C-alpha atoms as a PDB file:
ATOM      1  CA  UNK A   1      11.982  -6.450  19.636  1.00  0.00           C
ATOM      2  CA  UNK A   2      14.225  -7.521  16.988  1.00  0.00           C
ATOM      3  CA  UNK A   3      14.146  -4.596  14.284  1.00  0.00           C
ATOM      4  CA  UNK A   4      15.092  -6.522  11.521  1.00  0.00           C
ATOM      5  CA  UNK A   5      12.822  -9.412  12.223  1.00  0.00           C
ATOM      6  CA  UNK A   6       9.996  -6.756  12.280  1.00  0.00           C
ATOM      7  CA  UNK A   7      11.108  -5.000   9.263  1.00  0.00           C
ATOM      8  CA  UNK A   8      11.116  -8.095   7.205  1.00  0.00           C
ATOM      9  CA  UNK A   9       7.478  -8.671   8.474  1.00  0.00           C
ATOM     10  CA  UNK A  10       6.386  -5.496   7.214  1.00  0.00           C
ATOM     11  CA  UNK A  11       7.811  -5.991   4.039  1.00  0.00           C
ATOM     12  CA  UNK A  12       6.475  -9.293   3.498  1.00  0.00           C
ATOM     13  CA  UNK A  13       2.923  -7.581   4.109  1.00  0.00           C
ATOM     14  CA  UNK A  14       3.531  -5.011   1.583  1.00  0.00           C
ATOM     15  CA  UNK A  15       4.610  -7.419  -1.070  1.00  0.00           C
ATOM     16  CA  UNK A  16       1.807  -9.365  -0.518  1.00  0.00           C
ATOM     17  CA  UNK A  17      -0.614  -6.794  -0.320  1.00  0.00           C
ATOM     18  CA  UNK A  18       0.999  -5.429  -3.712  1.00  0.00           C
ATOM     19  CA  UNK A  19       0.571  -8.936  -5.424  1.00  0.00           C
ATOM     20  CA  UNK A  20      -2.910  -9.189  -4.450  1.00  0.00           C
ATOM     21  CA  UNK A  21      -3.975  -5.806  -5.603  1.00  0.00           C
ATOM     22  CA  UNK A  22      -2.194  -6.070  -8.939  1.00  0.00           C
ATOM     23  CA  UNK A  23      -3.606  -9.783  -9.646  1.00  0.00           C
ATOM     24  CA  UNK A  24      -6.975  -8.530  -8.667  1.00  0.00           C
ATOM     25  CA  UNK A  25      -7.500 -10.782  -5.823  1.00  0.00           C
ATOM     26  CA  UNK A  26      -9.836  -8.678  -3.539  1.00  0.00           C
ATOM     27  CA  UNK A  27     -10.211 -11.787  -0.851  1.00  0.00           C
ATOM     28  CA  UNK A  28      -6.518 -12.112  -0.359  1.00  0.00           C
ATOM     29  CA  UNK A  29      -6.078  -7.969  -0.482  1.00  0.00           C
ATOM     30  CA  UNK A  30      -8.456  -7.391   2.198  1.00  0.00           C
ATOM     31  CA  UNK A  31      -6.289  -9.654   4.652  1.00  0.00           C
ATOM     32  CA  UNK A  32      -3.329  -7.093   4.686  1.00  0.00           C
ATOM     33  CA  UNK A  33      -5.546  -4.199   6.084  1.00  0.00           C
ATOM     34  CA  UNK A  34      -6.822  -3.113   9.458  1.00  0.00           C
ATOM     35  CA  UNK A  35     -10.722  -2.960   8.995  1.00  0.00           C
ATOM     36  CA  UNK A  36     -11.796  -0.093  11.127  1.00  0.00           C
ATOM     37  CA  UNK A  37     -13.450   3.465  10.499  1.00  0.00           C
ATOM     38  CA  UNK A  38      -9.982   5.218  11.212  1.00  0.00           C
ATOM     39  CA  UNK A  39      -7.978   3.993   8.574  1.00  0.00           C
ATOM     40  CA  UNK A  40      -7.138   6.276   5.205  1.00  0.00           C
ATOM     41  CA  UNK A  41      -6.017   5.782   1.685  1.00  0.00           C
ATOM     42  CA  UNK A  42      -4.860   8.729  -0.575  1.00  0.00           C
ATOM     43  CA  UNK A  43      -3.471   9.018  -3.908  1.00  0.00           C
ATOM     44  CA  UNK A  44      -1.899  11.923  -5.535  1.00  0.00           C
ATOM     45  CA  UNK A  45      -1.046  11.606  -9.246  1.00  0.00           C
ATOM     46  CA  UNK A  46       1.098  14.424 -10.613  1.00  0.00           C
ATOM     47  CA  UNK A  47       1.020  12.972 -14.390  1.00  0.00           C
ATOM     48  CA  UNK A  48      -2.834  12.983 -14.394  1.00  0.00           C
ATOM     49  CA  UNK A  49      -3.465  15.905 -12.027  1.00  0.00           C
ATOM     50  CA  UNK A  50      -5.749  14.129  -9.713  1.00  0.00           C
ATOM     51  CA  UNK A  51      -6.450  12.909  -6.020  1.00  0.00           C
ATOM     52  CA  UNK A  52      -8.495  10.817  -4.368  1.00  0.00           C
ATOM     53  CA  UNK A  53      -9.030   9.939  -0.570  1.00  0.00           C
ATOM     54  CA  UNK A  54     -10.853   7.106   1.189  1.00  0.00           C
ATOM     55  CA  UNK A  55     -11.443   7.267   4.809  1.00  0.00           C
ATOM     56  CA  UNK A  56     -12.414   4.107   6.833  1.00  0.00           C
ATOM     57  CA  UNK A  57     -12.481   0.428   5.909  1.00  0.00           C
ATOM     58  CA  UNK A  58     -15.949   0.523   4.093  1.00  0.00           C
ATOM     59  CA  UNK A  59     -15.142   3.058   1.971  1.00  0.00           C
ATOM     60  CA  UNK A  60     -11.353   1.750   1.071  1.00  0.00           C
ATOM     61  CA  UNK A  61     -12.973  -1.740   0.581  1.00  0.00           C
ATOM     62  CA  UNK A  62     -15.659  -0.402  -1.638  1.00  0.00           C
ATOM     63  CA  UNK A  63     -13.303   1.631  -3.507  1.00  0.00           C
ATOM     64  CA  UNK A  64     -10.915  -1.271  -4.333  1.00  0.00           C
ATOM     65  CA  UNK A  65     -13.802  -3.613  -5.116  1.00  0.00           C
ATOM     66  CA  UNK A  66     -15.232  -1.413  -7.542  1.00  0.00           C
ATOM     67  CA  UNK A  67     -11.838  -0.557  -9.028  1.00  0.00           C
ATOM     68  CA  UNK A  68     -11.294  -4.268  -9.551  1.00  0.00           C
ATOM     69  CA  UNK A  69     -14.507  -4.979 -11.253  1.00  0.00           C
ATOM     70  CA  UNK A  70     -14.202  -2.058 -13.410  1.00  0.00           C
ATOM     71  CA  UNK A  71     -10.597  -3.406 -14.429  1.00  0.00           C
ATOM     72  CA  UNK A  72     -10.602  -7.114 -13.953  1.00  0.00           C
ATOM     73  CA  UNK A  73      -7.519  -7.866 -15.955  1.00  0.00           C
ATOM     74  CA  UNK A  74      -4.317  -8.350 -13.965  1.00  0.00           C
ATOM     75  CA  UNK A  75      -1.463  -5.752 -14.151  1.00  0.00           C
ATOM     76  CA  UNK A  76       2.069  -6.576 -14.123  1.00  0.00           C
ATOM     77  CA  UNK A  77       3.474  -6.582 -10.514  1.00  0.00           C
ATOM     78  CA  UNK A  78       5.844  -3.995  -9.861  1.00  0.00           C
ATOM     79  CA  UNK A  79       9.489  -4.809  -9.093  1.00  0.00           C
ATOM     80  CA  UNK A  80       8.867  -5.513  -5.337  1.00  0.00           C
ATOM     81  CA  UNK A  81      11.026  -3.109  -3.069  1.00  0.00           C
ATOM     82  CA  UNK A  82      13.888  -4.471  -1.493  1.00  0.00           C
ATOM     83  CA  UNK A  83      14.585  -1.624   0.857  1.00  0.00           C
ATOM     84  CA  UNK A  84      12.137   0.463   3.189  1.00  0.00           C
ATOM     85  CA  UNK A  85      12.631   2.942   5.803  1.00  0.00           C
ATOM     86  CA  UNK A  86      10.995   1.745   9.007  1.00  0.00           C
ATOM     87  CA  UNK A  87      10.118   3.519  12.269  1.00  0.00           C
ATOM     88  CA  UNK A  88       8.849   1.127  14.747  1.00  0.00           C
ATOM     89  CA  UNK A  89       6.469   2.192  17.539  1.00  0.00           C
ATOM     90  CA  UNK A  90       5.802  -0.884  19.803  1.00  0.00           C
ATOM     91  CA  UNK A  91       2.701  -2.215  17.717  1.00  0.00           C
ATOM     92  CA  UNK A  92       3.094   0.439  15.124  1.00  0.00           C
ATOM     93  CA  UNK A  93       5.421   1.322  12.351  1.00  0.00           C
ATOM     94  CA  UNK A  94       5.901   4.348   9.699  1.00  0.00           C
ATOM     95  CA  UNK A  95       7.186   2.888   6.403  1.00  0.00           C
ATOM     96  CA  UNK A  96       8.259   4.936   3.441  1.00  0.00           C
ATOM     97  CA  UNK A  97       9.932   3.523   0.109  1.00  0.00           C
ATOM     98  CA  UNK A  98       9.961   4.166  -3.902  1.00  0.00           C
ATOM     99  CA  UNK A  99       8.698   1.969  -6.280  1.00  0.00           C
ATOM    100  CA  UNK A 100       8.681   1.732 -10.141  1.00  0.00           C
ATOM    101  CA  UNK A 101       5.347   0.713 -11.372  1.00  0.00           C
ATOM    102  CA  UNK A 102       5.394  -0.540 -14.926  1.00  0.00           C
ATOM    103  CA  UNK A 103       2.353   1.491 -15.922  1.00  0.00           C
ATOM    104  CA  UNK A 104       2.353   4.311 -13.569  1.00  0.00           C
ATOM    105  CA  UNK A 105       6.236   5.245 -13.313  1.00  0.00           C
ATOM    106  CA  UNK A 106       8.006   6.251 -10.196  1.00  0.00           C
ATOM    107  CA  UNK A 107       5.750   6.217  -7.008  1.00  0.00           C
ATOM    108  CA  UNK A 108       6.605   6.981  -3.474  1.00  0.00           C
ATOM    109  CA  UNK A 109       4.668   5.198  -0.693  1.00  0.00           C
ATOM    110  CA  UNK A 110       4.023   6.063   2.850  1.00  0.00           C
ATOM    111  CA  UNK A 111       2.250   3.234   5.032  1.00  0.00           C
ATOM    112  CA  UNK A 112       1.107   3.313   8.671  1.00  0.00           C
ATOM    113  CA  UNK A 113       1.320  -0.232   9.780  1.00  0.00           C
ATOM    114  CA  UNK A 114      -0.506  -1.760  12.943  1.00  0.00           C
ATOM    115  CA  UNK A 115       0.506  -5.101  14.467  1.00  0.00           C
ATOM    116  CA  UNK A 116      -2.307  -7.173  15.966  1.00  0.00           C
ATOM    117  CA  UNK A 117      -2.024 -10.720  16.892  1.00  0.00           C
ATOM    118  CA  UNK A 118       1.425 -11.204  15.755  1.00  0.00           C
ATOM    119  CA  UNK A 119       0.496  -9.753  12.162  1.00  0.00           C
ATOM    120  CA  UNK A 120       1.270  -6.534  10.580  1.00  0.00           C
ATOM    121  CA  UNK A 121      -1.494  -4.810   8.841  1.00  0.00           C
ATOM    122  CA  UNK A 122      -2.142  -1.517   6.696  1.00  0.00           C
ATOM    123  CA  UNK A 123      -3.855   1.200   8.837  1.00  0.00           C
ATOM    124  CA  UNK A 124      -2.969   3.874   6.332  1.00  0.00           C
ATOM    125  CA  UNK A 125      -1.559   4.659   2.856  1.00  0.00           C
ATOM    126  CA  UNK A 126      -0.426   7.698   1.112  1.00  0.00           C
ATOM    127  CA  UNK A 127       0.876   7.263  -2.498  1.00  0.00           C
ATOM    128  CA  UNK A 128       2.352   9.895  -4.803  1.00  0.00           C
ATOM    129  CA  UNK A 129       2.790   9.032  -8.395  1.00  0.00           C
ATOM    130  CA  UNK A 130       5.374  10.967  -9.903  1.00  0.00           C
ATOM    131  CA  UNK A 131       5.154   8.912 -13.427  1.00  0.00           C
ATOM    132  CA  UNK A 132       7.899   9.127 -15.903  1.00  0.00           C
ATOM    133  CA  UNK A 133       8.908  12.561 -14.329  1.00  0.00           C
ATOM    134  CA  UNK A 134      11.879  12.498 -12.004  1.00  0.00           C
ATOM    135  CA  UNK A 135      11.680  14.031  -8.698  1.00  0.00           C
ATOM    136  CA  UNK A 136      13.083  17.458  -8.143  1.00  0.00           C
END
């Protein structure tokens, strides 16, 4: 397995998923996710003191679709990350990185990735939003 090639393919998936989400392109966004009942998506927002969790493709898909319908205006795409930490496990990967979001501030992302039919997709997502505050 060529680690750098796989890392670049994962980064491409992450960039494309982020672009689709911020551009409110649900049809494109859904192509970057695994569609089964075991995936999960969580948000912790320290600035707003809030937490949300969605489990399974149907719940995640419904949440994102409703969010896009309620907030149809595209948001500025955050500066796309250049560096990610990746641990590869055959057809799986654990990925972490930090990103500066123009509206939400500093975010730490953790993604569980699965490779199926030669394509990396997201099987889990955890986002911690620190906002304008610096991490300790």
